[in-house]
mmCIF file of all heavy atoms, coordinates in Angstrom:
data_MODEL
# 
_entry.id   MODEL 
# 
loop_
_atom_site.group_PDB 
_atom_site.id 
_atom_site.type_symbol 
_atom_site.label_atom_id 
_atom_site.label_alt_id 
_atom_site.label_comp_id 
_atom_site.label_asym_id 
_atom_site.label_entity_id 
_atom_site.label_seq_id 
_atom_site.pdbx_PDB_ins_code 
_atom_site.Cartn_x 
_atom_site.Cartn_y 
_atom_site.Cartn_z 
_atom_site.occupancy 
_atom_site.B_iso_or_equiv 
_atom_site.pdbx_formal_charge 
_atom_site.auth_seq_id 
_atom_site.auth_comp_id 
_atom_site.auth_asym_id 
_atom_site.auth_atom_id 
_atom_site.pdbx_PDB_model_num 
ATOM 1   N N   . TYR A 1 1  ? -0.907  -0.619 -8.488  1.00 0.00 ? 1  TYR A N   1 
ATOM 2   C CA  . TYR A 1 1  ? -1.039  -2.074 -8.447  1.00 0.00 ? 1  TYR A CA  1 
ATOM 3   C C   . TYR A 1 1  ? -2.153  -2.482 -7.486  1.00 0.00 ? 1  TYR A C   1 
ATOM 4   O O   . TYR A 1 1  ? -3.008  -3.315 -7.808  1.00 0.00 ? 1  TYR A O   1 
ATOM 5   C CB  . TYR A 1 1  ? 0.302   -2.684 -8.019  1.00 0.00 ? 1  TYR A CB  1 
ATOM 6   C CG  . TYR A 1 1  ? 0.280   -4.166 -7.751  1.00 0.00 ? 1  TYR A CG  1 
ATOM 7   C CD1 . TYR A 1 1  ? 0.483   -5.072 -8.786  1.00 0.00 ? 1  TYR A CD1 1 
ATOM 8   C CD2 . TYR A 1 1  ? 0.074   -4.661 -6.465  1.00 0.00 ? 1  TYR A CD2 1 
ATOM 9   C CE1 . TYR A 1 1  ? 0.476   -6.441 -8.546  1.00 0.00 ? 1  TYR A CE1 1 
ATOM 10  C CE2 . TYR A 1 1  ? 0.054   -6.024 -6.215  1.00 0.00 ? 1  TYR A CE2 1 
ATOM 11  C CZ  . TYR A 1 1  ? 0.258   -6.911 -7.255  1.00 0.00 ? 1  TYR A CZ  1 
ATOM 12  O OH  . TYR A 1 1  ? 0.239   -8.266 -7.005  1.00 0.00 ? 1  TYR A OH  1 
ATOM 13  N N   . TRP A 1 2  ? -2.156  -1.884 -6.286  1.00 0.00 ? 2  TRP A N   1 
ATOM 14  C CA  . TRP A 1 2  ? -3.156  -2.268 -5.288  1.00 0.00 ? 2  TRP A CA  1 
ATOM 15  C C   . TRP A 1 2  ? -4.519  -1.636 -5.574  1.00 0.00 ? 2  TRP A C   1 
ATOM 16  O O   . TRP A 1 2  ? -5.560  -2.224 -5.245  1.00 0.00 ? 2  TRP A O   1 
ATOM 17  C CB  . TRP A 1 2  ? -2.676  -1.912 -3.886  1.00 0.00 ? 2  TRP A CB  1 
ATOM 18  C CG  . TRP A 1 2  ? -1.584  -2.824 -3.425  1.00 0.00 ? 2  TRP A CG  1 
ATOM 19  C CD1 . TRP A 1 2  ? -0.274  -2.518 -3.224  1.00 0.00 ? 2  TRP A CD1 1 
ATOM 20  C CD2 . TRP A 1 2  ? -1.711  -4.228 -3.145  1.00 0.00 ? 2  TRP A CD2 1 
ATOM 21  N NE1 . TRP A 1 2  ? 0.431   -3.626 -2.836  1.00 0.00 ? 2  TRP A NE1 1 
ATOM 22  C CE2 . TRP A 1 2  ? -0.428  -4.694 -2.773  1.00 0.00 ? 2  TRP A CE2 1 
ATOM 23  C CE3 . TRP A 1 2  ? -2.769  -5.125 -3.177  1.00 0.00 ? 2  TRP A CE3 1 
ATOM 24  C CZ2 . TRP A 1 2  ? -0.195  -6.029 -2.435  1.00 0.00 ? 2  TRP A CZ2 1 
ATOM 25  C CZ3 . TRP A 1 2  ? -2.541  -6.464 -2.834  1.00 0.00 ? 2  TRP A CZ3 1 
ATOM 26  C CH2 . TRP A 1 2  ? -1.263  -6.888 -2.473  1.00 0.00 ? 2  TRP A CH2 1 
ATOM 27  N N   . ALA A 1 3  ? -4.527  -0.463 -6.203  1.00 0.00 ? 3  ALA A N   1 
ATOM 28  C CA  . ALA A 1 3  ? -5.803  0.154  -6.571  1.00 0.00 ? 3  ALA A CA  1 
ATOM 29  C C   . ALA A 1 3  ? -6.567  -0.739 -7.538  1.00 0.00 ? 3  ALA A C   1 
ATOM 30  O O   . ALA A 1 3  ? -7.801  -0.868 -7.458  1.00 0.00 ? 3  ALA A O   1 
ATOM 31  C CB  . ALA A 1 3  ? -5.572  1.532  -7.182  1.00 0.00 ? 3  ALA A CB  1 
ATOM 32  N N   . ASP A 1 4  ? -5.856  -1.388 -8.461  1.00 0.00 ? 4  ASP A N   1 
ATOM 33  C CA  . ASP A 1 4  ? -6.495  -2.307 -9.403  1.00 0.00 ? 4  ASP A CA  1 
ATOM 34  C C   . ASP A 1 4  ? -7.116  -3.510 -8.691  1.00 0.00 ? 4  ASP A C   1 
ATOM 35  O O   . ASP A 1 4  ? -8.003  -4.164 -9.238  1.00 0.00 ? 4  ASP A O   1 
ATOM 36  C CB  . ASP A 1 4  ? -5.476  -2.821 -10.421 1.00 0.00 ? 4  ASP A CB  1 
ATOM 37  C CG  . ASP A 1 4  ? -5.315  -1.858 -11.590 1.00 0.00 ? 4  ASP A CG  1 
ATOM 38  O OD1 . ASP A 1 4  ? -6.036  -0.844 -11.629 1.00 0.00 ? 4  ASP A OD1 1 
ATOM 39  O OD2 . ASP A 1 4  ? -4.455  -2.132 -12.454 1.00 0.00 ? 4  ASP A OD2 1 
ATOM 40  N N   . ARG A 1 5  ? -6.644  -3.792 -7.493  1.00 0.00 ? 5  ARG A N   1 
ATOM 41  C CA  . ARG A 1 5  ? -7.173  -4.910 -6.721  1.00 0.00 ? 5  ARG A CA  1 
ATOM 42  C C   . ARG A 1 5  ? -8.132  -4.445 -5.629  1.00 0.00 ? 5  ARG A C   1 
ATOM 43  O O   . ARG A 1 5  ? -8.451  -5.199 -4.709  1.00 0.00 ? 5  ARG A O   1 
ATOM 44  C CB  . ARG A 1 5  ? -5.998  -5.704 -6.116  1.00 0.00 ? 5  ARG A CB  1 
ATOM 45  C CG  . ARG A 1 5  ? -5.219  -6.473 -7.183  1.00 0.00 ? 5  ARG A CG  1 
ATOM 46  C CD  . ARG A 1 5  ? -3.799  -6.774 -6.763  1.00 0.00 ? 5  ARG A CD  1 
ATOM 47  N NE  . ARG A 1 5  ? -3.114  -7.630 -7.754  1.00 0.00 ? 5  ARG A NE  1 
ATOM 48  C CZ  . ARG A 1 5  ? -2.672  -7.212 -8.931  1.00 0.00 ? 5  ARG A CZ  1 
ATOM 49  N NH1 . ARG A 1 5  ? -2.810  -5.938 -9.265  1.00 0.00 ? 5  ARG A NH1 1 
ATOM 50  N NH2 . ARG A 1 5  ? -2.092  -8.045 -9.775  1.00 0.00 ? 5  ARG A NH2 1 
ATOM 51  N N   . ASP A 1 6  ? -8.556  -3.176 -5.740  1.00 0.00 ? 6  ASP A N   1 
ATOM 52  C CA  . ASP A 1 6  ? -9.518  -2.590 -4.801  1.00 0.00 ? 6  ASP A CA  1 
ATOM 53  C C   . ASP A 1 6  ? -8.997  -2.519 -3.370  1.00 0.00 ? 6  ASP A C   1 
ATOM 54  O O   . ASP A 1 6  ? -9.761  -2.638 -2.412  1.00 0.00 ? 6  ASP A O   1 
ATOM 55  C CB  . ASP A 1 6  ? -10.842 -3.362 -4.827  1.00 0.00 ? 6  ASP A CB  1 
ATOM 56  C CG  . ASP A 1 6  ? -11.526 -3.267 -6.185  1.00 0.00 ? 6  ASP A CG  1 
ATOM 57  O OD1 . ASP A 1 6  ? -11.425 -2.202 -6.826  1.00 0.00 ? 6  ASP A OD1 1 
ATOM 58  O OD2 . ASP A 1 6  ? -12.141 -4.254 -6.606  1.00 0.00 ? 6  ASP A OD2 1 
ATOM 59  N N   . PHE A 1 7  ? -7.676  -2.350 -3.233  1.00 0.00 ? 7  PHE A N   1 
ATOM 60  C CA  . PHE A 1 7  ? -7.088  -2.124 -1.916  1.00 0.00 ? 7  PHE A CA  1 
ATOM 61  C C   . PHE A 1 7  ? -6.720  -0.648 -1.789  1.00 0.00 ? 7  PHE A C   1 
ATOM 62  O O   . PHE A 1 7  ? -6.340  0.000  -2.763  1.00 0.00 ? 7  PHE A O   1 
ATOM 63  C CB  . PHE A 1 7  ? -5.828  -2.974 -1.723  1.00 0.00 ? 7  PHE A CB  1 
ATOM 64  C CG  . PHE A 1 7  ? -6.099  -4.385 -1.295  1.00 0.00 ? 7  PHE A CG  1 
ATOM 65  C CD1 . PHE A 1 7  ? -6.490  -5.346 -2.218  1.00 0.00 ? 7  PHE A CD1 1 
ATOM 66  C CD2 . PHE A 1 7  ? -5.967  -4.767 0.032   1.00 0.00 ? 7  PHE A CD2 1 
ATOM 67  C CE1 . PHE A 1 7  ? -6.736  -6.653 -1.850  1.00 0.00 ? 7  PHE A CE1 1 
ATOM 68  C CE2 . PHE A 1 7  ? -6.206  -6.069 0.429   1.00 0.00 ? 7  PHE A CE2 1 
ATOM 69  C CZ  . PHE A 1 7  ? -6.594  -7.012 -0.512  1.00 0.00 ? 7  PHE A CZ  1 
ATOM 70  N N   . ILE A 1 8  ? -6.805  -0.137 -0.570  1.00 0.00 ? 8  ILE A N   1 
ATOM 71  C CA  . ILE A 1 8  ? -6.400  1.235  -0.292  1.00 0.00 ? 8  ILE A CA  1 
ATOM 72  C C   . ILE A 1 8  ? -5.035  1.199  0.386   1.00 0.00 ? 8  ILE A C   1 
ATOM 73  O O   . ILE A 1 8  ? -4.815  0.437  1.329   1.00 0.00 ? 8  ILE A O   1 
ATOM 74  C CB  . ILE A 1 8  ? -7.423  1.944  0.613   1.00 0.00 ? 8  ILE A CB  1 
ATOM 75  C CG1 . ILE A 1 8  ? -8.801  1.932  -0.067  1.00 0.00 ? 8  ILE A CG1 1 
ATOM 76  C CG2 . ILE A 1 8  ? -6.989  3.363  0.916   1.00 0.00 ? 8  ILE A CG2 1 
ATOM 77  C CD1 . ILE A 1 8  ? -9.919  2.459  0.820   1.00 0.00 ? 8  ILE A CD1 1 
ATOM 78  N N   . VAL A 1 9  ? -4.115  2.006  -0.081  1.00 0.00 ? 9  VAL A N   1 
ATOM 79  C CA  . VAL A 1 9  ? -2.761  2.021  0.455   1.00 0.00 ? 9  VAL A CA  1 
ATOM 80  C C   . VAL A 1 9  ? -2.678  2.986  1.632   1.00 0.00 ? 9  VAL A C   1 
ATOM 81  O O   . VAL A 1 9  ? -3.118  4.134  1.543   1.00 0.00 ? 9  VAL A O   1 
ATOM 82  C CB  . VAL A 1 9  ? -1.743  2.435  -0.625  1.00 0.00 ? 9  VAL A CB  1 
ATOM 83  C CG1 . VAL A 1 9  ? -0.342  2.595  -0.027  1.00 0.00 ? 9  VAL A CG1 1 
ATOM 84  C CG2 . VAL A 1 9  ? -1.727  1.405  -1.746  1.00 0.00 ? 9  VAL A CG2 1 
ATOM 85  N N   . GLY A 1 10 ? -2.120  2.501  2.746   1.00 0.00 ? 10 GLY A N   1 
ATOM 86  C CA  . GLY A 1 10 ? -1.818  3.362  3.876   1.00 0.00 ? 10 GLY A CA  1 
ATOM 87  C C   . GLY A 1 10 ? -2.946  3.620  4.847   1.00 0.00 ? 10 GLY A C   1 
ATOM 88  O O   . GLY A 1 10 ? -2.803  4.437  5.747   1.00 0.00 ? 10 GLY A O   1 
ATOM 89  N N   . VAL A 1 11 ? -4.067  2.929  4.725   1.00 0.00 ? 11 VAL A N   1 
ATOM 90  C CA  . VAL A 1 11 ? -5.192  3.101  5.647   1.00 0.00 ? 11 VAL A CA  1 
ATOM 91  C C   . VAL A 1 11 ? -5.154  1.959  6.650   1.00 0.00 ? 11 VAL A C   1 
ATOM 92  O O   . VAL A 1 11 ? -4.943  0.801  6.290   1.00 0.00 ? 11 VAL A O   1 
ATOM 93  C CB  . VAL A 1 11 ? -6.531  3.114  4.887   1.00 0.00 ? 11 VAL A CB  1 
ATOM 94  C CG1 . VAL A 1 11 ? -7.690  3.257  5.854   1.00 0.00 ? 11 VAL A CG1 1 
ATOM 95  C CG2 . VAL A 1 11 ? -6.535  4.244  3.873   1.00 0.00 ? 11 VAL A CG2 1 
ATOM 96  N N   . ALA A 1 12 ? -5.380  2.258  7.898   1.00 0.00 ? 12 ALA A N   1 
ATOM 97  C CA  . ALA A 1 12 ? -5.205  1.282  8.969   1.00 0.00 ? 12 ALA A CA  1 
ATOM 98  C C   . ALA A 1 12 ? -6.315  0.242  9.034   1.00 0.00 ? 12 ALA A C   1 
ATOM 99  O O   . ALA A 1 12 ? -6.114  -0.845 9.551   1.00 0.00 ? 12 ALA A O   1 
ATOM 100 C CB  . ALA A 1 12 ? -5.091  2.005  10.313  1.00 0.00 ? 12 ALA A CB  1 
ATOM 101 N N   . GLU A 1 13 ? -7.518  0.575  8.561   1.00 0.00 ? 13 GLU A N   1 
ATOM 102 C CA  . GLU A 1 13 ? -8.592  -0.391 8.681   1.00 0.00 ? 13 GLU A CA  1 
ATOM 103 C C   . GLU A 1 13 ? -9.173  -0.732 7.312   1.00 0.00 ? 13 GLU A C   1 
ATOM 104 O O   . GLU A 1 13 ? -8.869  -0.086 6.311   1.00 0.00 ? 13 GLU A O   1 
ATOM 105 C CB  . GLU A 1 13 ? -9.715  0.137  9.592   1.00 0.00 ? 13 GLU A CB  1 
ATOM 106 C CG  . GLU A 1 13 ? -10.476 1.315  9.005   1.00 0.00 ? 13 GLU A CG  1 
ATOM 107 C CD  . GLU A 1 13 ? -9.932  2.644  9.474   1.00 0.00 ? 13 GLU A CD  1 
ATOM 108 O OE1 . GLU A 1 13 ? -9.070  2.657  10.374  1.00 0.00 ? 13 GLU A OE1 1 
ATOM 109 O OE2 . GLU A 1 13 ? -10.380 3.660  8.937   1.00 0.00 ? 13 GLU A OE2 1 
ATOM 110 N N   . GLY A 1 14 ? -10.003 -1.798 7.299   1.00 0.00 ? 14 GLY A N   1 
ATOM 111 C CA  . GLY A 1 14 ? -10.640 -2.190 6.054   1.00 0.00 ? 14 GLY A CA  1 
ATOM 112 C C   . GLY A 1 14 ? -9.684  -2.927 5.136   1.00 0.00 ? 14 GLY A C   1 
ATOM 113 O O   . GLY A 1 14 ? -8.668  -3.493 5.551   1.00 0.00 ? 14 GLY A O   1 
ATOM 114 N N   . LYS A 1 15 ? -10.011 -2.923 3.858   1.00 0.00 ? 15 LYS A N   1 
ATOM 115 C CA  . LYS A 1 15 ? -9.216  -3.624 2.847   1.00 0.00 ? 15 LYS A CA  1 
ATOM 116 C C   . LYS A 1 15 ? -8.051  -2.730 2.451   1.00 0.00 ? 15 LYS A C   1 
ATOM 117 O O   . LYS A 1 15 ? -8.137  -1.951 1.503   1.00 0.00 ? 15 LYS A O   1 
ATOM 118 C CB  . LYS A 1 15 ? -10.101 -3.949 1.648   1.00 0.00 ? 15 LYS A CB  1 
ATOM 119 C CG  . LYS A 1 15 ? -9.502  -4.974 0.693   1.00 0.00 ? 15 LYS A CG  1 
ATOM 120 C CD  . LYS A 1 15 ? -10.500 -5.325 -0.412  1.00 0.00 ? 15 LYS A CD  1 
ATOM 121 C CE  . LYS A 1 15 ? -9.888  -6.321 -1.382  1.00 0.00 ? 15 LYS A CE  1 
ATOM 122 N NZ  . LYS A 1 15 ? -10.802 -6.624 -2.508  1.00 0.00 ? 15 LYS A NZ  1 
ATOM 123 N N   . SER A 1 16 ? -6.960  -2.841 3.198   1.00 0.00 ? 16 SER A N   1 
ATOM 124 C CA  . SER A 1 16 ? -5.855  -1.903 3.003   1.00 0.00 ? 16 SER A CA  1 
ATOM 125 C C   . SER A 1 16 ? -4.511  -2.628 3.036   1.00 0.00 ? 16 SER A C   1 
ATOM 126 O O   . SER A 1 16 ? -4.400  -3.755 3.515   1.00 0.00 ? 16 SER A O   1 
ATOM 127 C CB  . SER A 1 16 ? -5.879  -0.821 4.072   1.00 0.00 ? 16 SER A CB  1 
ATOM 128 O OG  . SER A 1 16 ? -5.664  -1.395 5.355   1.00 0.00 ? 16 SER A OG  1 
ATOM 129 N N   . VAL A 1 17 ? -3.492  -1.958 2.536   1.00 0.00 ? 17 VAL A N   1 
ATOM 130 C CA  . VAL A 1 17 ? -2.119  -2.460 2.572   1.00 0.00 ? 17 VAL A CA  1 
ATOM 131 C C   . VAL A 1 17 ? -1.208  -1.319 3.015   1.00 0.00 ? 17 VAL A C   1 
ATOM 132 O O   . VAL A 1 17 ? -1.554  -0.147 2.877   1.00 0.00 ? 17 VAL A O   1 
ATOM 133 C CB  . VAL A 1 17 ? -1.667  -2.978 1.186   1.00 0.00 ? 17 VAL A CB  1 
ATOM 134 C CG1 . VAL A 1 17 ? -2.456  -4.202 0.772   1.00 0.00 ? 17 VAL A CG1 1 
ATOM 135 C CG2 . VAL A 1 17 ? -1.766  -1.893 0.133   1.00 0.00 ? 17 VAL A CG2 1 
ATOM 136 N N   . PRO A 1 18 ? -0.020  -1.642 3.555   1.00 0.00 ? 18 PRO A N   1 
ATOM 137 C CA  . PRO A 1 18 ? 0.908   -0.583 3.959   1.00 0.00 ? 18 PRO A CA  1 
ATOM 138 C C   . PRO A 1 18 ? 1.405   0.218  2.761   1.00 0.00 ? 18 PRO A C   1 
ATOM 139 O O   . PRO A 1 18 ? 1.341   -0.235 1.613   1.00 0.00 ? 18 PRO A O   1 
ATOM 140 C CB  . PRO A 1 18 ? 2.061   -1.349 4.614   1.00 0.00 ? 18 PRO A CB  1 
ATOM 141 C CG  . PRO A 1 18 ? 1.518   -2.694 4.925   1.00 0.00 ? 18 PRO A CG  1 
ATOM 142 C CD  . PRO A 1 18 ? 0.482   -2.983 3.886   1.00 0.00 ? 18 PRO A CD  1 
ATOM 143 N N   . GLN A 1 19 ? 1.919   1.395  3.032   1.00 0.00 ? 19 GLN A N   1 
ATOM 144 C CA  . GLN A 1 19 ? 2.532   2.190  1.979   1.00 0.00 ? 19 GLN A CA  1 
ATOM 145 C C   . GLN A 1 19 ? 3.828   1.530  1.509   1.00 0.00 ? 19 GLN A C   1 
ATOM 146 O O   . GLN A 1 19 ? 4.446   0.733  2.225   1.00 0.00 ? 19 GLN A O   1 
ATOM 147 C CB  . GLN A 1 19 ? 2.831   3.601  2.489   1.00 0.00 ? 19 GLN A CB  1 
ATOM 148 C CG  . GLN A 1 19 ? 1.593   4.437  2.761   1.00 0.00 ? 19 GLN A CG  1 
ATOM 149 C CD  . GLN A 1 19 ? 1.937   5.844  3.220   1.00 0.00 ? 19 GLN A CD  1 
ATOM 150 O OE1 . GLN A 1 19 ? 3.059   6.110  3.617   1.00 0.00 ? 19 GLN A OE1 1 
ATOM 151 N NE2 . GLN A 1 19 ? 0.969   6.737  3.151   1.00 0.00 ? 19 GLN A NE2 1 
ATOM 152 N N   . TYR A 1 20 ? 4.236   1.851  0.290   1.00 0.00 ? 20 TYR A N   1 
ATOM 153 C CA  . TYR A 1 20 ? 5.503   1.354  -0.235  1.00 0.00 ? 20 TYR A CA  1 
ATOM 154 C C   . TYR A 1 20 ? 6.633   1.837  0.669   1.00 0.00 ? 20 TYR A C   1 
ATOM 155 O O   . TYR A 1 20 ? 6.712   3.007  1.035   1.00 0.00 ? 20 TYR A O   1 
ATOM 156 C CB  . TYR A 1 20 ? 5.720   1.851  -1.662  1.00 0.00 ? 20 TYR A CB  1 
ATOM 157 C CG  . TYR A 1 20 ? 7.026   1.401  -2.270  1.00 0.00 ? 20 TYR A CG  1 
ATOM 158 C CD1 . TYR A 1 20 ? 7.122   0.156  -2.885  1.00 0.00 ? 20 TYR A CD1 1 
ATOM 159 C CD2 . TYR A 1 20 ? 8.162   2.206  -2.225  1.00 0.00 ? 20 TYR A CD2 1 
ATOM 160 C CE1 . TYR A 1 20 ? 8.311   -0.276 -3.449  1.00 0.00 ? 20 TYR A CE1 1 
ATOM 161 C CE2 . TYR A 1 20 ? 9.366   1.785  -2.778  1.00 0.00 ? 20 TYR A CE2 1 
ATOM 162 C CZ  . TYR A 1 20 ? 9.436   0.545  -3.383  1.00 0.00 ? 20 TYR A CZ  1 
ATOM 163 O OH  . TYR A 1 20 ? 10.626  0.118  -3.922  1.00 0.00 ? 20 TYR A OH  1 
ATOM 164 N N   . HIS A 1 21 ? 7.506   0.912  1.039   1.00 0.00 ? 21 HIS A N   1 
ATOM 165 C CA  . HIS A 1 21 ? 8.630   1.248  1.920   1.00 0.00 ? 21 HIS A CA  1 
ATOM 166 C C   . HIS A 1 21 ? 9.915   1.305  1.106   1.00 0.00 ? 21 HIS A C   1 
ATOM 167 O O   . HIS A 1 21 ? 10.356  0.305  0.535   1.00 0.00 ? 21 HIS A O   1 
ATOM 168 C CB  . HIS A 1 21 ? 8.770   0.197  3.028   1.00 0.00 ? 21 HIS A CB  1 
ATOM 169 C CG  . HIS A 1 21 ? 9.881   0.476  3.984   1.00 0.00 ? 21 HIS A CG  1 
ATOM 170 N ND1 . HIS A 1 21 ? 9.867   1.550  4.844   1.00 0.00 ? 21 HIS A ND1 1 
ATOM 171 C CD2 . HIS A 1 21 ? 11.049  -0.176 4.208   1.00 0.00 ? 21 HIS A CD2 1 
ATOM 172 C CE1 . HIS A 1 21 ? 10.966  1.543  5.565   1.00 0.00 ? 21 HIS A CE1 1 
ATOM 173 N NE2 . HIS A 1 21 ? 11.715  0.516  5.193   1.00 0.00 ? 21 HIS A NE2 1 
ATOM 174 N N   . ASP A 1 22 ? 10.513  2.475  1.042   1.00 0.00 ? 22 ASP A N   1 
ATOM 175 C CA  . ASP A 1 22 ? 11.742  2.687  0.277   1.00 0.00 ? 22 ASP A CA  1 
ATOM 176 C C   . ASP A 1 22 ? 12.943  2.613  1.214   1.00 0.00 ? 22 ASP A C   1 
ATOM 177 O O   . ASP A 1 22 ? 13.117  3.478  2.073   1.00 0.00 ? 22 ASP A O   1 
ATOM 178 C CB  . ASP A 1 22 ? 11.687  4.046  -0.421  1.00 0.00 ? 22 ASP A CB  1 
ATOM 179 C CG  . ASP A 1 22 ? 12.837  4.240  -1.411  1.00 0.00 ? 22 ASP A CG  1 
ATOM 180 O OD1 . ASP A 1 22 ? 13.800  3.447  -1.361  1.00 0.00 ? 22 ASP A OD1 1 
ATOM 181 O OD2 . ASP A 1 22 ? 12.762  5.176  -2.226  1.00 0.00 ? 22 ASP A OD2 1 
ATOM 182 N N   . ARG A 1 23 ? 13.763  1.582  1.059   1.00 0.00 ? 23 ARG A N   1 
ATOM 183 C CA  . ARG A 1 23 ? 14.954  1.435  1.906   1.00 0.00 ? 23 ARG A CA  1 
ATOM 184 C C   . ARG A 1 23 ? 16.160  2.152  1.327   1.00 0.00 ? 23 ARG A C   1 
ATOM 185 O O   . ARG A 1 23 ? 17.258  2.087  1.890   1.00 0.00 ? 23 ARG A O   1 
ATOM 186 C CB  . ARG A 1 23 ? 15.293  -0.045 2.096   1.00 0.00 ? 23 ARG A CB  1 
ATOM 187 C CG  . ARG A 1 23 ? 14.257  -0.818 2.864   1.00 0.00 ? 23 ARG A CG  1 
ATOM 188 C CD  . ARG A 1 23 ? 14.822  -2.116 3.400   1.00 0.00 ? 23 ARG A CD  1 
ATOM 189 N NE  . ARG A 1 23 ? 15.188  -3.064 2.346   1.00 0.00 ? 23 ARG A NE  1 
ATOM 190 C CZ  . ARG A 1 23 ? 15.768  -4.249 2.579   1.00 0.00 ? 23 ARG A CZ  1 
ATOM 191 N NH1 . ARG A 1 23 ? 16.064  -4.600 3.818   1.00 0.00 ? 23 ARG A NH1 1 
ATOM 192 N NH2 . ARG A 1 23 ? 16.048  -5.066 1.587   1.00 0.00 ? 23 ARG A NH2 1 
ATOM 193 N N   . GLY A 1 24 ? 15.966  2.808  0.184   1.00 0.00 ? 24 GLY A N   1 
ATOM 194 C CA  . GLY A 1 24 ? 17.057  3.577  -0.385  1.00 0.00 ? 24 GLY A CA  1 
ATOM 195 C C   . GLY A 1 24 ? 18.071  2.754  -1.147  1.00 0.00 ? 24 GLY A C   1 
ATOM 196 O O   . GLY A 1 24 ? 19.241  3.137  -1.240  1.00 0.00 ? 24 GLY A O   1 
ATOM 197 N N   . VAL A 1 25 ? 17.650  1.627  -1.735  1.00 0.00 ? 25 VAL A N   1 
ATOM 198 C CA  . VAL A 1 25 ? 18.600  0.806  -2.498  1.00 0.00 ? 25 VAL A CA  1 
ATOM 199 C C   . VAL A 1 25 ? 18.776  1.339  -3.917  1.00 0.00 ? 25 VAL A C   1 
ATOM 200 O O   . VAL A 1 25 ? 19.618  0.843  -4.668  1.00 0.00 ? 25 VAL A O   1 
ATOM 201 C CB  . VAL A 1 25 ? 18.158  -0.674 -2.546  1.00 0.00 ? 25 VAL A CB  1 
ATOM 202 C CG1 . VAL A 1 25 ? 18.046  -1.242 -1.148  1.00 0.00 ? 25 VAL A CG1 1 
ATOM 203 C CG2 . VAL A 1 25 ? 16.844  -0.844 -3.300  1.00 0.00 ? 25 VAL A CG2 1 
ATOM 204 N N   . GLY A 1 26 ? 17.978  2.350  -4.286  1.00 0.00 ? 26 GLY A N   1 
ATOM 205 C CA  . GLY A 1 26 ? 18.143  2.972  -5.587  1.00 0.00 ? 26 GLY A CA  1 
ATOM 206 C C   . GLY A 1 26 ? 17.324  2.350  -6.689  1.00 0.00 ? 26 GLY A C   1 
ATOM 207 O O   . GLY A 1 26 ? 17.535  2.671  -7.873  1.00 0.00 ? 26 GLY A O   1 
# 
């Protein structure tokens, strides 16, 4: 989803977003 928007997942700087957070709700 974020790759299509030219965002990098999990990188601290630049155009980035946090990694998916799984709380274990199934």
